[in-house]
Amino acid sequence: MSLKPKKRSLTLHGHQTSVSLEDRFWQAFCDIAEEKKIAINSLAAKIDGDRDLKSGLASALRNYVLDYYIDKCKHF
């Protein structure tokens, strides 16, 4: 797995966009979408709509993944 961010394509609200994420964050993001049984574009659109506009989409996705797993650990 590469530690260097790679460009990934997403469609948000009908518009193509790209986000640069490391393999680990991308895989975790895809795993979360699968666990929630929603498409990655739908999950990304939700995160995009909820994010602080001062931060970029990649940062919002990383924070979402981190928060998701921190919350999961609290319920162990």
N, C-alpha and C. Protein backbone atom coordinates (compact mmCIF):
# COMPACT_ATOMS: atom_id res chain seq x y z
N MET A 1 0.83 -1.19 0.00
CA MET A 1 0.00 0.00 0.00
C MET A 1 0.88 1.25 0.00
N SER A 2 0.53 2.16 -0.84
CA SER A 2 1.30 3.39 -0.97
C SER A 2 0.87 4.41 0.09
N LEU A 3 1.83 5.12 0.63
CA LEU A 3 1.54 6.20 1.57
C LEU A 3 1.34 7.53 0.85
N LYS A 4 1.61 7.52 -0.44
CA LYS A 4 1.47 8.73 -1.25
C LYS A 4 0.02 8.85 -1.74
N PRO A 5 -0.58 10.04 -1.61
CA PRO A 5 -1.96 10.20 -2.09
C PRO A 5 -2.08 9.95 -3.59
N LYS A 6 -3.20 9.36 -3.99
CA LYS A 6 -3.52 9.13 -5.40
C LYS A 6 -4.83 9.82 -5.72
N LYS A 7 -4.95 10.30 -6.94
CA LYS A 7 -6.21 10.92 -7.36
C LYS A 7 -7.27 9.86 -7.57
N ARG A 8 -8.43 10.11 -7.02
CA ARG A 8 -9.58 9.21 -7.16
C ARG A 8 -10.74 10.03 -7.74
N SER A 9 -11.52 9.43 -8.58
CA SER A 9 -12.66 10.12 -9.19
C SER A 9 -13.93 9.83 -8.42
N LEU A 10 -14.72 10.87 -8.24
CA LEU A 10 -16.02 10.77 -7.59
C LEU A 10 -17.02 11.61 -8.37
N THR A 11 -18.28 11.30 -8.22
CA THR A 11 -19.34 12.11 -8.78
C THR A 11 -20.18 12.63 -7.61
N LEU A 12 -20.17 13.94 -7.44
CA LEU A 12 -20.92 14.58 -6.35
C LEU A 12 -22.02 15.45 -6.95
N HIS A 13 -23.24 15.13 -6.60
CA HIS A 13 -24.39 15.92 -7.06
C HIS A 13 -24.38 16.07 -8.59
N GLY A 14 -24.00 14.99 -9.29
CA GLY A 14 -24.02 14.97 -10.74
C GLY A 14 -22.79 15.57 -11.41
N HIS A 15 -21.80 15.99 -10.62
CA HIS A 15 -20.60 16.60 -11.18
C HIS A 15 -19.37 15.76 -10.85
N GLN A 16 -18.53 15.54 -11.87
CA GLN A 16 -17.28 14.81 -11.67
C GLN A 16 -16.31 15.65 -10.85
N THR A 17 -15.63 15.03 -9.92
CA THR A 17 -14.58 15.69 -9.16
C THR A 17 -13.52 14.66 -8.82
N SER A 18 -12.40 15.11 -8.36
CA SER A 18 -11.37 14.17 -7.93
C SER A 18 -10.89 14.56 -6.54
N VAL A 19 -10.39 13.58 -5.86
CA VAL A 19 -9.87 13.78 -4.51
C VAL A 19 -8.58 12.97 -4.40
N SER A 20 -7.59 13.51 -3.74
CA SER A 20 -6.33 12.80 -3.54
C SER A 20 -6.29 12.20 -2.15
N LEU A 21 -6.28 10.87 -2.10
CA LEU A 21 -6.26 10.15 -0.82
C LEU A 21 -5.25 9.03 -0.87
N GLU A 22 -4.66 8.75 0.27
CA GLU A 22 -3.77 7.60 0.41
C GLU A 22 -4.59 6.32 0.30
N ASP A 23 -3.92 5.23 -0.12
CA ASP A 23 -4.61 3.94 -0.29
C ASP A 23 -5.38 3.52 0.95
N ARG A 24 -4.77 3.68 2.12
CA ARG A 24 -5.42 3.24 3.37
C ARG A 24 -6.71 3.99 3.63
N PHE A 25 -6.70 5.31 3.44
CA PHE A 25 -7.91 6.09 3.66
C PHE A 25 -8.97 5.75 2.61
N TRP A 26 -8.56 5.58 1.36
CA TRP A 26 -9.52 5.23 0.31
C TRP A 26 -10.17 3.88 0.61
N GLN A 27 -9.36 2.90 0.99
CA GLN A 27 -9.89 1.57 1.28
C GLN A 27 -10.83 1.62 2.48
N ALA A 28 -10.45 2.35 3.52
CA ALA A 28 -11.31 2.47 4.70
C ALA A 28 -12.61 3.17 4.34
N PHE A 29 -12.55 4.21 3.51
CA PHE A 29 -13.73 4.92 3.05
C PHE A 29 -14.66 3.98 2.28
N CYS A 30 -14.10 3.18 1.38
CA CYS A 30 -14.89 2.21 0.61
C CYS A 30 -15.48 1.14 1.53
N ASP A 31 -14.73 0.69 2.52
CA ASP A 31 -15.23 -0.30 3.48
C ASP A 31 -16.41 0.24 4.28
N ILE A 32 -16.31 1.49 4.68
CA ILE A 32 -17.41 2.12 5.44
C ILE A 32 -18.66 2.20 4.57
N ALA A 33 -18.50 2.64 3.33
CA ALA A 33 -19.65 2.72 2.42
C ALA A 33 -20.29 1.35 2.25
N GLU A 34 -19.46 0.32 2.08
CA GLU A 34 -19.98 -1.04 1.93
C GLU A 34 -20.71 -1.49 3.19
N GLU A 35 -20.12 -1.21 4.34
CA GLU A 35 -20.75 -1.59 5.61
C GLU A 35 -22.10 -0.89 5.78
N LYS A 36 -22.18 0.37 5.35
CA LYS A 36 -23.43 1.13 5.45
C LYS A 36 -24.39 0.83 4.29
N LYS A 37 -23.90 0.03 3.33
CA LYS A 37 -24.69 -0.36 2.16
C LYS A 37 -25.14 0.85 1.33
N ILE A 38 -24.19 1.77 1.13
CA ILE A 38 -24.45 2.92 0.26
C ILE A 38 -23.28 3.08 -0.71
N ALA A 39 -23.55 3.69 -1.83
CA ALA A 39 -22.51 3.92 -2.84
C ALA A 39 -21.49 4.93 -2.33
N ILE A 40 -20.24 4.78 -2.76
CA ILE A 40 -19.20 5.70 -2.31
C ILE A 40 -19.51 7.14 -2.73
N ASN A 41 -20.11 7.32 -3.90
CA ASN A 41 -20.48 8.68 -4.33
C ASN A 41 -21.53 9.29 -3.41
N SER A 42 -22.47 8.49 -2.96
CA SER A 42 -23.50 8.98 -2.03
C SER A 42 -22.90 9.37 -0.69
N LEU A 43 -22.00 8.52 -0.18
CA LEU A 43 -21.35 8.83 1.10
C LEU A 43 -20.48 10.07 0.95
N ALA A 44 -19.74 10.18 -0.13
CA ALA A 44 -18.90 11.35 -0.36
C ALA A 44 -19.75 12.62 -0.47
N ALA A 45 -20.90 12.53 -1.12
CA ALA A 45 -21.78 13.69 -1.25
C ALA A 45 -22.31 14.13 0.11
N LYS A 46 -22.64 13.16 0.97
CA LYS A 46 -23.10 13.50 2.33
C LYS A 46 -22.00 14.19 3.11
N ILE A 47 -20.80 13.65 3.05
CA ILE A 47 -19.66 14.24 3.75
C ILE A 47 -19.37 15.63 3.21
N ASP A 48 -19.43 15.77 1.89
CA ASP A 48 -19.21 17.06 1.25
C ASP A 48 -20.23 18.09 1.73
N GLY A 49 -21.48 17.68 1.84
CA GLY A 49 -22.53 18.59 2.29
C GLY A 49 -22.41 18.98 3.75
N ASP A 50 -21.80 18.11 4.55
CA ASP A 50 -21.67 18.37 5.99
C ASP A 50 -20.37 19.08 6.37
N ARG A 51 -19.43 19.17 5.44
CA ARG A 51 -18.10 19.68 5.81
C ARG A 51 -18.07 21.19 5.95
N ASP A 52 -17.10 21.64 6.73
CA ASP A 52 -16.79 23.06 6.85
C ASP A 52 -16.13 23.47 5.54
N LEU A 53 -16.62 24.48 4.90
CA LEU A 53 -16.11 24.86 3.59
C LEU A 53 -14.68 25.39 3.63
N LYS A 54 -14.14 25.57 4.83
CA LYS A 54 -12.74 26.00 4.95
C LYS A 54 -11.79 24.84 4.71
N SER A 55 -12.30 23.61 4.84
CA SER A 55 -11.45 22.43 4.62
C SER A 55 -11.79 21.81 3.27
N GLY A 56 -10.82 21.12 2.70
CA GLY A 56 -11.03 20.46 1.43
C GLY A 56 -11.76 19.14 1.59
N LEU A 57 -12.21 18.61 0.48
CA LEU A 57 -12.94 17.34 0.50
C LEU A 57 -12.06 16.20 1.00
N ALA A 58 -10.80 16.15 0.58
CA ALA A 58 -9.90 15.08 1.02
C ALA A 58 -9.76 15.09 2.54
N SER A 59 -9.59 16.26 3.12
CA SER A 59 -9.49 16.37 4.59
C SER A 59 -10.78 15.93 5.25
N ALA A 60 -11.90 16.31 4.67
CA ALA A 60 -13.19 15.92 5.23
C ALA A 60 -13.37 14.40 5.20
N LEU A 61 -12.94 13.76 4.11
CA LEU A 61 -13.04 12.30 4.01
C LEU A 61 -12.12 11.62 5.03
N ARG A 62 -10.90 12.12 5.17
CA ARG A 62 -9.98 11.55 6.16
C ARG A 62 -10.55 11.68 7.57
N ASN A 63 -11.07 12.86 7.89
CA ASN A 63 -11.65 13.07 9.22
C ASN A 63 -12.86 12.18 9.45
N TYR A 64 -13.68 12.00 8.43
CA TYR A 64 -14.84 11.13 8.55
C TYR A 64 -14.40 9.69 8.86
N VAL A 65 -13.41 9.20 8.12
CA VAL A 65 -12.90 7.84 8.34
C VAL A 65 -12.35 7.71 9.76
N LEU A 66 -11.54 8.67 10.17
CA LEU A 66 -10.95 8.62 11.51
C LEU A 66 -12.04 8.67 12.58
N ASP A 67 -12.98 9.59 12.46
CA ASP A 67 -14.08 9.69 13.43
C ASP A 67 -14.91 8.42 13.48
N TYR A 68 -15.15 7.82 12.32
CA TYR A 68 -15.94 6.59 12.24
C TYR A 68 -15.29 5.48 13.06
N TYR A 69 -13.99 5.30 12.87
CA TYR A 69 -13.30 4.21 13.58
C TYR A 69 -13.05 4.54 15.05
N ILE A 70 -12.86 5.81 15.39
CA ILE A 70 -12.76 6.19 16.81
C ILE A 70 -14.07 5.88 17.51
N ASP A 71 -15.18 6.25 16.89
CA ASP A 71 -16.49 5.98 17.47
C ASP A 71 -16.73 4.48 17.62
N LYS A 72 -16.30 3.73 16.63
CA LYS A 72 -16.45 2.27 16.67
C LYS A 72 -15.66 1.67 17.84
N CYS A 73 -14.46 2.19 18.08
CA CYS A 73 -13.63 1.70 19.19
C CYS A 73 -14.24 2.01 20.55
N LYS A 74 -14.93 3.11 20.65
CA LYS A 74 -15.57 3.50 21.92
C LYS A 74 -16.67 2.49 22.31
N HIS A 75 -17.22 1.80 21.33
CA HIS A 75 -18.31 0.88 21.59
C HIS A 75 -17.82 -0.56 21.79
N PHE A 76 -16.52 -0.72 21.89
CA PHE A 76 -15.95 -2.05 22.10
C PHE A 76 -16.13 -2.48 23.52
